[in-house]
Amino acid sequence: MLKRGGTGGPKQKRILELNPRHALISRMHERFASAADDPLVANAAEVLFGLALLQEGSPLADPVRFNRAATEVLGRIV
């Protein structure tokens, strides 16, 4: 009924839950603690958030930025 009335209904607040004991989150935290300005930490967070958006079926706000961050993170692995 709310949608038909033009209000669209209340928006549900989206929540990203992270497991602080997961190896990826632990390593990101350790790296941030030792070098808060490390761009790899920011890129890893960008990739993690982008993957969460894609998982739920949402579009990426900036696909080019996501791609650059993913390339940077993956480039550091090899």
N, C-alpha and C. Protein backbone atom coordinates (compact mmCIF):
# COMPACT_ATOMS: atom_id res chain seq x y z
N MET A 1 0.82 -1.19 0.00
CA MET A 1 0.00 0.00 0.00
C MET A 1 0.87 1.26 0.00
N LEU A 2 1.97 1.22 0.73
CA LEU A 2 2.83 2.40 0.79
C LEU A 2 3.43 2.71 -0.59
N LYS A 3 3.79 1.65 -1.31
CA LYS A 3 4.36 1.87 -2.63
C LYS A 3 3.34 2.49 -3.57
N ARG A 4 2.10 2.03 -3.50
CA ARG A 4 1.05 2.58 -4.35
C ARG A 4 0.73 4.02 -3.97
N GLY A 5 0.91 4.36 -2.72
CA GLY A 5 0.63 5.72 -2.26
C GLY A 5 1.71 6.72 -2.63
N GLY A 6 2.80 6.23 -3.19
CA GLY A 6 3.87 7.11 -3.64
C GLY A 6 4.98 7.34 -2.63
N THR A 7 4.84 6.83 -1.42
CA THR A 7 5.90 7.06 -0.43
C THR A 7 7.01 6.03 -0.55
N GLY A 8 6.73 4.89 -1.15
CA GLY A 8 7.75 3.86 -1.30
C GLY A 8 8.02 3.07 -0.06
N GLY A 9 7.45 3.44 1.04
CA GLY A 9 7.65 2.69 2.28
C GLY A 9 8.95 3.04 2.94
N PRO A 10 9.13 2.56 4.15
CA PRO A 10 10.36 2.87 4.88
C PRO A 10 11.55 2.14 4.27
N LYS A 11 12.68 2.83 4.23
CA LYS A 11 13.90 2.20 3.74
C LYS A 11 14.52 1.38 4.85
N GLN A 12 14.98 0.20 4.48
CA GLN A 12 15.64 -0.66 5.45
C GLN A 12 17.12 -0.29 5.50
N LYS A 13 17.65 -0.12 6.69
CA LYS A 13 19.05 0.21 6.86
C LYS A 13 19.88 -1.04 6.56
N ARG A 14 20.88 -0.86 5.70
CA ARG A 14 21.73 -1.98 5.34
C ARG A 14 22.84 -2.11 6.37
N ILE A 15 23.18 -3.33 6.71
CA ILE A 15 24.21 -3.60 7.72
C ILE A 15 25.22 -4.59 7.14
N LEU A 16 26.48 -4.24 7.22
CA LEU A 16 27.55 -5.15 6.83
C LEU A 16 28.16 -5.72 8.10
N GLU A 17 27.99 -7.00 8.30
CA GLU A 17 28.54 -7.64 9.49
C GLU A 17 29.86 -8.30 9.13
N LEU A 18 30.88 -8.04 9.95
CA LEU A 18 32.19 -8.62 9.75
C LEU A 18 32.54 -9.49 10.95
N ASN A 19 33.17 -10.60 10.67
CA ASN A 19 33.66 -11.48 11.73
C ASN A 19 35.07 -11.02 12.08
N PRO A 20 35.27 -10.40 13.24
CA PRO A 20 36.60 -9.88 13.59
C PRO A 20 37.66 -10.97 13.75
N ARG A 21 37.23 -12.21 13.90
CA ARG A 21 38.19 -13.31 14.04
C ARG A 21 38.55 -13.95 12.70
N HIS A 22 37.91 -13.51 11.61
CA HIS A 22 38.24 -14.05 10.30
C HIS A 22 39.67 -13.63 9.95
N ALA A 23 40.41 -14.52 9.32
CA ALA A 23 41.81 -14.26 9.00
C ALA A 23 41.99 -12.99 8.17
N LEU A 24 41.13 -12.76 7.22
CA LEU A 24 41.24 -11.58 6.37
C LEU A 24 41.07 -10.30 7.19
N ILE A 25 40.07 -10.26 8.03
CA ILE A 25 39.82 -9.07 8.85
C ILE A 25 40.94 -8.87 9.87
N SER A 26 41.41 -9.96 10.46
CA SER A 26 42.52 -9.87 11.42
C SER A 26 43.78 -9.30 10.77
N ARG A 27 44.08 -9.79 9.58
CA ARG A 27 45.28 -9.32 8.89
C ARG A 27 45.14 -7.86 8.44
N MET A 28 43.94 -7.49 8.01
CA MET A 28 43.71 -6.09 7.65
C MET A 28 43.90 -5.20 8.87
N HIS A 29 43.39 -5.64 10.02
CA HIS A 29 43.53 -4.86 11.25
C HIS A 29 44.99 -4.74 11.66
N GLU A 30 45.74 -5.83 11.59
CA GLU A 30 47.17 -5.80 11.93
C GLU A 30 47.93 -4.83 11.04
N ARG A 31 47.63 -4.90 9.74
CA ARG A 31 48.32 -4.02 8.79
C ARG A 31 47.96 -2.56 9.06
N PHE A 32 46.68 -2.30 9.34
CA PHE A 32 46.25 -0.94 9.66
C PHE A 32 46.92 -0.44 10.94
N ALA A 33 47.02 -1.30 11.95
CA ALA A 33 47.64 -0.91 13.22
C ALA A 33 49.11 -0.56 13.04
N SER A 34 49.79 -1.24 12.11
CA SER A 34 51.20 -0.95 11.91
C SER A 34 51.45 0.19 10.93
N ALA A 35 50.51 0.42 10.02
CA ALA A 35 50.68 1.50 9.04
C ALA A 35 49.30 1.97 8.57
N ALA A 36 48.71 2.88 9.34
CA ALA A 36 47.33 3.32 9.07
C ALA A 36 47.18 3.99 7.70
N ASP A 37 48.26 4.54 7.17
CA ASP A 37 48.18 5.23 5.88
C ASP A 37 48.52 4.33 4.70
N ASP A 38 48.67 3.03 4.93
CA ASP A 38 48.99 2.08 3.87
C ASP A 38 47.81 2.00 2.89
N PRO A 39 48.04 2.35 1.61
CA PRO A 39 46.94 2.33 0.65
C PRO A 39 46.37 0.92 0.41
N LEU A 40 47.14 -0.10 0.69
CA LEU A 40 46.64 -1.46 0.51
C LEU A 40 45.47 -1.74 1.45
N VAL A 41 45.51 -1.19 2.65
CA VAL A 41 44.41 -1.38 3.60
C VAL A 41 43.14 -0.74 3.06
N ALA A 42 43.25 0.47 2.56
CA ALA A 42 42.08 1.16 2.00
C ALA A 42 41.55 0.41 0.78
N ASN A 43 42.44 -0.06 -0.07
CA ASN A 43 42.01 -0.81 -1.26
C ASN A 43 41.35 -2.13 -0.87
N ALA A 44 41.89 -2.80 0.13
CA ALA A 44 41.30 -4.06 0.58
C ALA A 44 39.91 -3.83 1.14
N ALA A 45 39.73 -2.74 1.89
CA ALA A 45 38.41 -2.40 2.44
C ALA A 45 37.43 -2.09 1.30
N GLU A 46 37.91 -1.38 0.28
CA GLU A 46 37.08 -1.06 -0.88
C GLU A 46 36.63 -2.33 -1.60
N VAL A 47 37.55 -3.26 -1.77
CA VAL A 47 37.22 -4.52 -2.43
C VAL A 47 36.24 -5.33 -1.57
N LEU A 48 36.48 -5.39 -0.30
CA LEU A 48 35.60 -6.14 0.60
C LEU A 48 34.17 -5.58 0.56
N PHE A 49 34.05 -4.26 0.61
CA PHE A 49 32.73 -3.64 0.56
C PHE A 49 32.07 -3.86 -0.81
N GLY A 50 32.85 -3.72 -1.87
CA GLY A 50 32.32 -3.94 -3.21
C GLY A 50 31.82 -5.36 -3.40
N LEU A 51 32.57 -6.32 -2.89
CA LEU A 51 32.13 -7.72 -2.98
C LEU A 51 30.85 -7.95 -2.20
N ALA A 52 30.71 -7.29 -1.06
CA ALA A 52 29.48 -7.41 -0.28
C ALA A 52 28.29 -6.85 -1.06
N LEU A 53 28.49 -5.71 -1.72
CA LEU A 53 27.42 -5.14 -2.54
C LEU A 53 27.03 -6.08 -3.68
N LEU A 54 28.03 -6.62 -4.36
CA LEU A 54 27.75 -7.54 -5.46
C LEU A 54 27.05 -8.80 -4.97
N GLN A 55 27.44 -9.28 -3.81
CA GLN A 55 26.83 -10.48 -3.22
C GLN A 55 25.33 -10.29 -3.00
N GLU A 56 24.94 -9.09 -2.55
CA GLU A 56 23.52 -8.85 -2.28
C GLU A 56 22.76 -8.42 -3.53
N GLY A 57 23.46 -8.28 -4.65
CA GLY A 57 22.81 -7.91 -5.90
C GLY A 57 22.72 -6.43 -6.15
N SER A 58 23.42 -5.64 -5.37
CA SER A 58 23.42 -4.18 -5.55
C SER A 58 24.49 -3.78 -6.57
N PRO A 59 24.25 -2.68 -7.26
CA PRO A 59 25.28 -2.20 -8.20
C PRO A 59 26.41 -1.50 -7.45
N LEU A 60 27.56 -1.46 -8.06
CA LEU A 60 28.69 -0.73 -7.49
C LEU A 60 28.52 0.75 -7.83
N ALA A 61 28.76 1.62 -6.87
CA ALA A 61 28.65 3.05 -7.10
C ALA A 61 29.69 3.52 -8.10
N ASP A 62 30.90 2.95 -8.04
CA ASP A 62 31.99 3.34 -8.94
C ASP A 62 32.75 2.08 -9.36
N PRO A 63 32.30 1.43 -10.43
CA PRO A 63 32.95 0.18 -10.86
C PRO A 63 34.42 0.36 -11.23
N VAL A 64 34.79 1.51 -11.76
CA VAL A 64 36.19 1.75 -12.13
C VAL A 64 37.05 1.78 -10.87
N ARG A 65 36.58 2.46 -9.85
CA ARG A 65 37.33 2.51 -8.57
C ARG A 65 37.46 1.11 -7.96
N PHE A 66 36.36 0.34 -8.00
CA PHE A 66 36.40 -1.03 -7.48
C PHE A 66 37.44 -1.85 -8.25
N ASN A 67 37.45 -1.70 -9.57
CA ASN A 67 38.39 -2.45 -10.40
C ASN A 67 39.83 -2.08 -10.09
N ARG A 68 40.10 -0.80 -9.91
CA ARG A 68 41.46 -0.36 -9.56
C ARG A 68 41.89 -0.92 -8.21
N ALA A 69 40.98 -0.87 -7.24
CA ALA A 69 41.30 -1.38 -5.90
C ALA A 69 41.54 -2.88 -5.95
N ALA A 70 40.69 -3.61 -6.68
CA ALA A 70 40.85 -5.07 -6.78
C ALA A 70 42.16 -5.41 -7.47
N THR A 71 42.50 -4.68 -8.52
CA THR A 71 43.76 -4.93 -9.23
C THR A 71 44.95 -4.68 -8.33
N GLU A 72 44.89 -3.61 -7.54
CA GLU A 72 45.98 -3.31 -6.60
C GLU A 72 46.13 -4.41 -5.56
N VAL A 73 45.03 -4.82 -4.97
CA VAL A 73 45.08 -5.86 -3.93
C VAL A 73 45.58 -7.18 -4.52
N LEU A 74 45.01 -7.58 -5.64
CA LEU A 74 45.45 -8.84 -6.25
C LEU A 74 46.87 -8.78 -6.74
N GLY A 75 47.31 -7.61 -7.19
CA GLY A 75 48.70 -7.45 -7.65
C GLY A 75 49.71 -7.62 -6.53
N ARG A 76 49.31 -7.39 -5.31
CA ARG A 76 50.22 -7.54 -4.18
C ARG A 76 50.34 -8.99 -3.72
N ILE A 77 49.45 -9.85 -4.20
CA ILE A 77 49.46 -11.25 -3.78
C ILE A 77 50.58 -12.01 -4.47
N VAL A 78 50.77 -11.74 -5.74
CA VAL A 78 51.77 -12.50 -6.51
C VAL A 78 53.11 -11.84 -6.51
